[in-house]
Protein backbone atom coordinates (compact mmCIF):
# COMPACT_ATOMS: atom_id res chain seq x y z
CA UNK A 1 21.53 -6.17 -22.38
CA UNK A 2 19.67 -9.19 -21.10
CA UNK A 3 16.48 -10.45 -22.91
CA UNK A 4 14.45 -9.54 -19.85
CA UNK A 5 15.64 -6.08 -19.77
CA UNK A 6 14.95 -5.72 -23.44
CA UNK A 7 11.51 -7.12 -22.86
CA UNK A 8 10.89 -4.41 -20.13
CA UNK A 9 12.42 -1.65 -22.22
CA UNK A 10 10.06 -2.52 -25.12
CA UNK A 11 7.10 -1.71 -22.95
CA UNK A 12 8.18 1.81 -22.32
CA UNK A 13 6.80 4.63 -24.37
CA UNK A 14 9.46 6.39 -26.33
CA UNK A 15 7.81 9.78 -26.91
CA UNK A 16 6.36 12.07 -24.15
CA UNK A 17 5.97 15.31 -25.96
CA UNK A 18 2.88 17.50 -25.30
CA UNK A 19 1.83 15.26 -22.45
CA UNK A 20 1.33 16.64 -18.79
CA UNK A 21 0.67 13.20 -17.30
CA UNK A 22 2.38 9.97 -16.53
CA UNK A 23 1.18 6.86 -18.44
CA UNK A 24 1.13 3.99 -15.78
CA UNK A 25 0.58 1.11 -18.07
CA UNK A 26 3.71 -0.97 -18.00
CA UNK A 27 3.07 -4.57 -18.01
CA UNK A 28 6.06 -5.69 -15.78
CA UNK A 29 7.17 -3.92 -12.56
CA UNK A 30 8.26 -4.51 -8.95
CA UNK A 31 5.54 -3.69 -6.24
CA UNK A 32 6.38 -0.67 -4.19
CA UNK A 33 4.83 1.21 -1.33
CA UNK A 34 5.71 4.32 0.60
CA UNK A 35 7.09 3.53 4.05
CA UNK A 36 4.94 5.77 6.15
CA UNK A 37 1.68 4.02 5.03
CA UNK A 38 3.28 0.77 5.59
CA UNK A 39 4.32 1.21 9.18
CA UNK A 40 1.36 3.35 10.39
CA UNK A 41 -2.51 2.89 10.20
CA UNK A 42 -3.54 5.38 7.49
CA UNK A 43 -6.03 2.95 6.13
CA UNK A 44 -9.12 1.25 7.72
CA UNK A 45 -8.94 -2.56 8.23
CA UNK A 46 -12.73 -2.69 8.08
CA UNK A 47 -14.56 -4.33 5.24
CA UNK A 48 -17.66 -2.31 6.10
CA UNK A 49 -18.08 1.48 5.78
CA UNK A 50 -15.72 3.04 8.56
CA UNK A 51 -17.34 6.33 9.47
CA UNK A 52 -15.38 6.99 12.62
CA UNK A 53 -12.85 9.85 12.98
CA UNK A 54 -9.61 8.09 13.64
CA UNK A 55 -6.87 9.56 15.98
CA UNK A 56 -3.50 7.70 16.41
CA UNK A 57 -0.38 8.59 18.36
CA UNK A 58 2.97 6.58 18.16
CA UNK A 59 4.08 5.10 21.40
CA UNK A 60 6.80 7.66 21.93
CA UNK A 61 4.39 10.45 21.09
CA UNK A 62 6.40 11.85 18.26
CA UNK A 63 4.00 11.04 15.42
CA UNK A 64 0.33 11.71 15.17
CA UNK A 65 -2.32 11.02 12.60
CA UNK A 66 -5.98 12.22 12.53
CA UNK A 67 -8.26 10.79 9.76
CA UNK A 68 -11.67 12.12 9.00
CA UNK A 69 -13.52 9.90 6.61
CA UNK A 70 -16.06 11.10 3.85
CA UNK A 71 -19.72 10.00 4.07
CA UNK A 72 -18.56 6.81 1.99
CA UNK A 73 -16.16 5.93 4.83
CA UNK A 74 -12.36 6.07 5.41
CA UNK A 75 -10.12 4.73 2.74
CA UNK A 76 -9.39 0.98 3.30
CA UNK A 77 -6.29 -1.27 3.37
CA UNK A 78 -7.78 -2.90 0.11
CA UNK A 79 -8.23 0.66 -1.59
CA UNK A 80 -4.53 1.04 -1.24
CA UNK A 81 -3.90 -1.12 -4.08
CA UNK A 82 -4.50 1.79 -6.40
CA UNK A 83 -1.60 3.69 -4.77
CA UNK A 84 0.61 0.66 -4.72
CA UNK A 85 0.03 0.24 -8.45
CA UNK A 86 0.91 3.88 -9.26
CA UNK A 87 3.83 4.19 -7.05
CA UNK A 88 5.32 0.90 -8.41
CA UNK A 89 5.14 2.13 -11.96
CA UNK A 90 6.56 5.54 -11.22
CA UNK A 91 9.55 3.99 -9.35
CA UNK A 92 10.10 1.37 -12.21
CA UNK A 93 9.94 4.09 -14.89
CA UNK A 94 12.45 6.34 -12.80
CA UNK A 95 14.83 3.33 -12.72
CA UNK A 96 14.62 3.40 -16.49
CA UNK A 97 15.55 7.16 -16.48
CA UNK A 98 12.28 8.26 -17.81
CA UNK A 99 11.81 11.90 -17.69
CA UNK A 100 7.94 12.09 -17.65
CA UNK A 101 7.12 11.28 -13.95
CA UNK A 102 4.37 13.50 -12.68
CA UNK A 103 1.77 13.69 -9.94
CA UNK A 104 -0.81 13.40 -12.58
CA UNK A 105 -0.91 9.73 -13.48
CA UNK A 106 -3.15 8.00 -16.15
CA UNK A 107 -3.80 4.12 -16.34
CA UNK A 108 -6.08 1.88 -18.32
CA UNK A 109 -8.36 0.24 -15.85
CA UNK A 110 -8.27 -3.21 -17.47
CA UNK A 111 -4.48 -3.19 -16.99
CA UNK A 112 -5.01 -2.31 -13.31
CA UNK A 113 -7.47 -5.04 -12.64
CA UNK A 114 -5.07 -7.59 -14.22
CA UNK A 115 -1.99 -6.36 -12.31
CA UNK A 116 -3.80 -6.39 -8.95
CA UNK A 117 -5.33 -9.84 -9.53
CA UNK A 118 -8.91 -8.66 -9.67
CA UNK A 119 -11.87 -9.89 -11.76
CA UNK A 120 -12.31 -7.81 -15.03
CA UNK A 121 -16.10 -7.84 -14.59
CA UNK A 122 -18.33 -4.78 -14.48
CA UNK A 123 -18.66 -4.73 -10.67
CA UNK A 124 -14.85 -4.28 -10.36
CA UNK A 125 -15.02 -1.06 -12.32
CA UNK A 126 -17.68 0.28 -9.82
CA UNK A 127 -15.41 -0.97 -6.88
CA UNK A 128 -12.58 0.98 -8.34
CA UNK A 129 -14.69 4.03 -8.69
CA UNK A 130 -15.73 3.76 -5.00
CA UNK A 131 -12.15 3.15 -3.72
CA UNK A 132 -11.09 6.37 -5.55
CA UNK A 133 -13.92 8.24 -3.90
CA UNK A 134 -12.96 6.97 -0.42
CA UNK A 135 -9.38 7.86 -0.92
CA UNK A 136 -10.09 11.29 -2.21
CA UNK A 137 -12.69 11.83 0.46
CA UNK A 138 -10.59 10.86 3.48
CA UNK A 139 -8.99 13.78 5.09
CA UNK A 140 -5.62 13.44 6.83
CA UNK A 141 -3.91 15.65 9.31
CA UNK A 142 -0.36 14.40 10.46
CA UNK A 143 2.92 15.84 11.57
CA UNK A 144 4.76 12.88 9.74
CA UNK A 145 7.03 14.56 7.20
CA UNK A 146 7.78 13.28 3.66
CA UNK A 147 11.13 14.55 2.06
CA UNK A 148 11.57 16.71 5.05
CA UNK A 149 8.37 18.67 4.72
CA UNK A 150 5.53 18.79 7.20
CA UNK A 151 2.06 19.55 6.00
CA UNK A 152 0.07 21.89 8.30
CA UNK A 153 -3.09 21.43 6.32
CA UNK A 154 -5.48 18.50 5.97
CA UNK A 155 -5.00 16.56 2.73
CA UNK A 156 -6.07 13.56 0.90
CA UNK A 157 -3.69 10.94 -0.42
CA UNK A 158 -4.95 11.83 -3.90
CA UNK A 159 -6.08 15.48 -4.88
CA UNK A 160 -8.52 14.54 -7.58
CA UNK A 161 -9.36 11.67 -10.03
CA UNK A 162 -11.37 11.43 -13.32
CA UNK A 163 -12.70 8.73 -15.47
CA UNK A 164 -12.09 8.55 -19.22
CA UNK A 165 -14.51 6.64 -21.46
CA UNK A 166 -14.50 5.59 -25.01
CA UNK A 167 -17.74 7.36 -25.71
CA UNK A 168 -20.93 8.65 -24.21
CA UNK A 169 -22.74 5.32 -25.32
CA UNK A 170 -20.24 3.25 -23.39
CA UNK A 171 -20.70 4.07 -19.68
CA UNK A 172 -17.78 1.90 -18.47
CA UNK A 173 -14.59 3.68 -17.66
CA UNK A 174 -11.65 2.79 -19.80
CA UNK A 175 -8.98 4.76 -18.10
CA UNK A 176 -8.45 6.66 -14.92
CA UNK A 177 -6.48 9.90 -14.32
CA UNK A 178 -5.28 10.55 -10.67
CA UNK A 179 -3.42 13.51 -9.16
CA UNK A 180 -1.29 12.28 -6.24
CA UNK A 181 -1.00 14.59 -3.11
CA UNK A 182 2.13 16.54 -2.56
CA UNK A 183 2.73 14.54 0.59
CA UNK A 184 2.69 11.24 -1.17
CA UNK A 185 4.55 12.61 -4.12
CA UNK A 186 7.31 13.88 -1.81
CA UNK A 187 7.79 10.51 -0.36
CA UNK A 188 8.22 8.85 -3.86
CA UNK A 189 10.60 11.63 -4.89
CA UNK A 190 12.64 11.06 -1.71
CA UNK A 191 12.86 7.30 -2.58
CA UNK A 192 11.14 6.74 0.73
CA UNK A 193 9.47 3.44 -0.47
CA UNK A 194 10.16 -0.32 -0.03
CA UNK A 195 9.62 -3.26 -2.24
CA UNK A 196 6.78 -5.61 -1.68
CA UNK A 197 6.49 -9.36 -2.38
CA UNK A 198 4.89 -9.95 -5.78
CA UNK A 199 2.27 -12.19 -3.98
CA UNK A 200 1.09 -9.07 -2.08
CA UNK A 201 -2.13 -8.66 -3.93
CA UNK A 202 -3.12 -12.34 -3.37
CA UNK A 203 -3.41 -11.55 0.38
CA UNK A 204 -7.07 -11.25 1.01
CA UNK A 205 -7.24 -10.29 4.67
CA UNK A 206 -6.83 -6.51 5.26
CA UNK A 207 -5.18 -7.25 8.69
CA UNK A 208 -2.79 -9.85 7.20
CA UNK A 209 -1.76 -7.32 4.40
CA UNK A 210 -1.18 -4.67 7.12
CA UNK A 211 0.98 -7.08 9.34
CA UNK A 212 2.93 -7.89 6.21
CA UNK A 213 3.67 -4.39 5.48
CA UNK A 214 4.82 -3.71 9.06
CA UNK A 215 6.95 -6.87 9.17
CA UNK A 216 8.55 -5.93 5.84
CA UNK A 217 9.22 -2.47 7.09
CA UNK A 218 10.82 -3.63 10.35
CA UNK A 219 12.22 -7.08 9.64
CA UNK A 220 13.53 -6.23 6.17
CA UNK A 221 16.40 -8.70 5.53
CA UNK A 222 17.08 -9.54 9.21
CA UNK A 223 16.55 -13.11 10.08
CA UNK A 224 14.31 -12.11 13.18
CA UNK A 225 12.22 -9.38 14.39
CA UNK A 226 10.14 -9.21 17.53
CA UNK A 227 7.29 -6.92 18.60
CA UNK A 228 4.91 -6.90 21.60
CA UNK A 229 1.34 -7.91 20.71
CA UNK A 230 -0.15 -4.73 22.21
CA UNK A 231 2.29 -2.45 20.18
CA UNK A 232 1.55 -4.49 17.02
CA UNK A 233 -2.14 -3.84 17.57
CA UNK A 234 -1.60 -0.09 17.84
CA UNK A 235 0.55 -0.11 14.76
CA UNK A 236 -2.10 -1.72 12.64
CA UNK A 237 -4.86 0.44 13.90
CA UNK A 238 -6.97 -2.47 14.75
CA UNK A 239 -10.24 -1.78 16.59
CA UNK A 240 -10.54 -5.41 17.72
CA UNK A 241 -10.25 -6.07 21.45
CA UNK A 242 -6.96 -7.41 22.69
CA UNK A 243 -8.38 -10.99 23.08
CA UNK A 244 -9.89 -10.85 19.52
CA UNK A 245 -6.69 -9.41 17.92
CA UNK A 246 -4.53 -12.26 19.57
CA UNK A 247 -7.15 -14.72 18.06
CA UNK A 248 -6.67 -13.31 14.73
CA UNK A 249 -2.89 -13.25 14.88
CA UNK A 250 -2.96 -16.81 15.86
CA UNK A 251 -5.14 -17.80 12.70
CA UNK A 252 -2.64 -15.79 10.50
CA UNK A 253 0.29 -17.55 12.11
CA UNK A 254 -1.27 -21.14 11.76
CA UNK A 255 -1.97 -20.50 8.05
CA UNK A 256 1.71 -19.49 7.29
CA UNK A 257 0.66 -18.01 4.05
CA UNK A 258 2.15 -14.57 4.53
CA UNK A 259 4.90 -13.91 1.92
CA UNK A 260 8.48 -13.70 2.99
CA UNK A 261 7.95 -14.00 6.87
CA UNK A 262 6.82 -16.70 9.21
CA UNK A 263 4.89 -15.53 12.40
CA UNK A 264 5.24 -17.30 15.79
CA UNK A 265 3.02 -16.08 18.67
CA UNK A 266 4.54 -16.17 22.21
CA UNK A 267 1.44 -15.95 24.40
CA UNK A 268 3.49 -16.18 27.65
CA UNK A 269 5.59 -13.09 26.63
CA UNK A 270 2.72 -11.59 24.81
CA UNK A 271 4.90 -10.95 21.71
CA UNK A 272 5.11 -12.01 18.08
CA UNK A 273 8.37 -13.25 16.40
CA UNK A 274 8.71 -12.68 12.73
CA UNK A 275 11.34 -14.94 11.01
CA UNK A 276 12.52 -14.81 7.30
CA UNK A 277 11.04 -17.86 5.48
CA UNK A 278 14.58 -18.45 4.10
CA UNK A 279 15.40 -21.62 5.73
CA UNK A 280 19.13 -20.83 6.68
CA UNK A 281 18.06 -17.47 8.21
CA UNK A 282 15.22 -19.11 10.11
CA UNK A 283 17.65 -21.79 11.54
CA UNK A 284 20.33 -19.17 12.32
CA UNK A 285 17.59 -17.14 14.24
CA UNK A 286 16.46 -20.16 16.08
CA UNK A 287 19.91 -20.96 17.17
CA UNK A 288 20.39 -17.61 18.54
CA UNK A 289 17.60 -18.10 21.07
């Protein structure tokens, strides 16, 4: 066994007796997300409370989503960090043949903040609590199946959460226990997930994160993938006007900071080309034009 694998193995607990939760506190893991929330607009791109009921239908009419926010607003693209953190650790542990995977997941808040490249100051603990409240309070109704099962009732991506503290005299949460929804758990069990670039948490724009996810889902390991700007706007769930959306796309393309993929905007054709940043694949794709 390689030294790196030995190092990862050493971080895995060896005893799981008398425990009804999965402990998500590994220090090394690949980022993973479920494919459905990557491809479709389950999360708000707004940085302000989004209190609107959101209805979405795919272009072919086969998939629908209705999202009703709580009084705190709809769960945001940045709130999704919590789910990515949990999914990543569940899948990593599954690869190591751990037998304690569960919808009930517990993690140390300090570890989560470090892993998602957040500050460990007090306000981040409050932001985490607000994010958990938004995810729990956002109600989803969709015909999108996970592991072949369609849910007829409304649900949240997490069923419940609670904070664990060292003592009553220390009000700061030290750990969080989350119960994932059956809809999301089914996707994980069906291996309906994709690996994200390790730099994902460094992306600060909600729109850029969403575009990266869509590109990762559709481009994959191809050298090139093309999509119409109007369709991309629909897939992101952006509420921006078409002109504003094109302007934001151009800014993202010019910065060229997106992991894995280079964006090129073709205004005359009203489309976006995504190229793998791998030089040989980029040249190969260009030569095919």
